[in-house]
Each structure stands twice: as structure tokens, then as C-alpha cells.
């Protein structure tokens, strides 16, 4: 079952996001799903919110997210955001172009 994952990063801005993306992609940047290297990512959007930064993703399954978290989690921890816990809800419907 697909899931919707939202990461809220209080006090963070695009600099933290860009740093995480650079590490996850080994400096290649993130312009296509293949750049993250983990299958299962359906959609990804990120942007500023009041007081911080938000990343919202759709994953094919909880297991796919957990595989990605093995790479992503230690990077966030190394950057001082080990306490970030995403909000995860089941997707009722997902439409992509």
C-alpha cells in the first residue's frame, strides 16, 4: 500500500535540504527518481513553511521508505536532526503525470 510521508524540519531552510540531497545523491543533485537510488519513490516535493522546511513524499510501501531511511536517517542525524520523525499516513489515492 502506498504511503504519504511528511517531514517537518523546524528552523531549517533550503540550505539543509540542499545539503541532505547532495549527500543522498553523492553530489549528483536530484532531478529524477533514479538520482536517489532507492526504488519505490513515487513523488517528492519540498519547500518552505512558516518556521521551517517541509518535505512530502509518496512511497510505494512502508518497506520502500524503510530501505531509503537507512541512507537518509544517518545523514539527518549527522546534520543535527536525528529527532525528526515523519508523519506517515496511508494513501487513499495517488495520481501522477
Protein backbone atom coordinates (compact mmCIF):
# COMPACT_ATOMS: atom_id res chain seq x y z
CA UNK A 1 0.00 0.00 0.00
CA UNK A 2 1.30 3.45 -0.90
CA UNK A 3 2.06 5.87 1.92
CA UNK A 4 2.32 9.64 2.19
CA UNK A 5 5.30 10.82 4.24
CA UNK A 6 5.73 14.36 5.53
CA UNK A 7 8.92 15.60 7.16
CA UNK A 8 8.69 18.92 9.00
CA UNK A 9 12.08 20.44 9.81
CA UNK A 10 11.61 23.30 12.30
CA UNK A 11 14.18 26.07 11.94
CA UNK A 12 15.55 24.57 8.75
CA UNK A 13 15.72 26.14 5.33
CA UNK A 14 16.67 25.24 1.80
CA UNK A 15 20.34 25.05 2.79
CA UNK A 16 19.73 21.99 4.98
CA UNK A 17 17.57 20.40 2.29
CA UNK A 18 20.24 21.02 -0.37
CA UNK A 19 22.93 19.56 1.90
CA UNK A 20 20.89 16.41 2.55
CA UNK A 21 20.15 15.98 -1.16
CA UNK A 22 23.83 16.43 -2.02
CA UNK A 23 24.78 13.69 0.43
CA UNK A 24 21.99 11.30 -0.55
CA UNK A 25 22.85 11.66 -4.24
CA UNK A 26 26.63 11.86 -3.72
CA UNK A 27 26.62 15.35 -5.25
CA UNK A 28 24.68 14.48 -8.39
CA UNK A 29 21.61 16.50 -7.42
CA UNK A 30 18.01 15.35 -7.52
CA UNK A 31 16.22 15.89 -10.83
CA UNK A 32 14.90 12.38 -11.42
CA UNK A 33 13.91 9.45 -9.22
CA UNK A 34 16.95 7.43 -10.24
CA UNK A 35 19.13 10.03 -8.50
CA UNK A 36 18.14 8.77 -5.04
CA UNK A 37 18.96 5.19 -5.91
CA UNK A 38 16.15 3.56 -3.93
CA UNK A 39 13.19 2.15 -5.84
CA UNK A 40 9.72 2.90 -4.55
CA UNK A 41 9.68 6.69 -4.53
CA UNK A 42 6.56 7.87 -6.37
CA UNK A 43 6.68 11.63 -5.76
CA UNK A 44 8.75 14.21 -3.91
CA UNK A 45 8.11 17.89 -3.15
CA UNK A 46 9.91 20.24 -0.78
CA UNK A 47 9.52 23.84 0.23
CA UNK A 48 9.49 26.45 2.97
CA UNK A 49 6.75 26.63 5.58
CA UNK A 50 6.34 29.05 8.46
CA UNK A 51 9.20 28.36 10.85
CA UNK A 52 11.00 25.75 8.78
CA UNK A 53 11.01 23.47 5.77
CA UNK A 54 8.72 20.61 4.70
CA UNK A 55 9.31 17.57 2.51
CA UNK A 56 6.36 15.48 1.35
CA UNK A 57 6.82 12.21 -0.47
CA UNK A 58 4.75 9.31 -1.69
CA UNK A 59 6.32 5.86 -1.41
CA UNK A 60 5.05 2.60 -2.87
CA UNK A 61 5.20 0.99 0.58
CA UNK A 62 6.43 1.33 4.14
CA UNK A 63 9.19 -1.14 3.29
CA UNK A 64 10.45 1.07 0.45
CA UNK A 65 10.61 4.05 2.81
CA UNK A 66 12.46 1.99 5.42
CA UNK A 67 15.07 0.99 2.82
CA UNK A 68 15.61 4.66 1.92
CA UNK A 69 15.74 5.64 5.61
CA UNK A 70 18.89 3.55 6.04
CA UNK A 71 20.67 6.15 3.89
CA UNK A 72 18.66 9.23 4.78
CA UNK A 73 18.43 8.78 8.57
CA UNK A 74 22.16 8.82 9.35
CA UNK A 75 22.62 11.90 7.16
CA UNK A 76 19.94 13.81 9.05
CA UNK A 77 21.45 12.67 12.34
CA UNK A 78 24.91 13.81 11.27
CA UNK A 79 23.45 17.24 10.47
CA UNK A 80 21.84 17.55 13.92
CA UNK A 81 18.30 16.46 13.06
CA UNK A 82 18.20 12.92 14.44
CA UNK A 83 14.95 13.67 16.26
CA UNK A 84 12.92 14.33 13.10
CA UNK A 85 10.03 11.89 12.91
CA UNK A 86 7.89 11.94 9.78
CA UNK A 87 4.12 11.85 9.71
CA UNK A 88 3.08 8.77 7.74
CA UNK A 89 -0.43 8.11 6.50
CA UNK A 90 -1.84 5.53 4.10
CA UNK A 91 -2.54 6.92 0.65
CA UNK A 92 -6.14 6.63 -0.42
CA UNK A 93 -5.36 7.78 -3.96
CA UNK A 94 -2.18 8.73 -5.84
CA UNK A 95 -2.21 10.30 -9.28
CA UNK A 96 0.99 11.11 -11.14
CA UNK A 97 1.60 12.58 -14.54
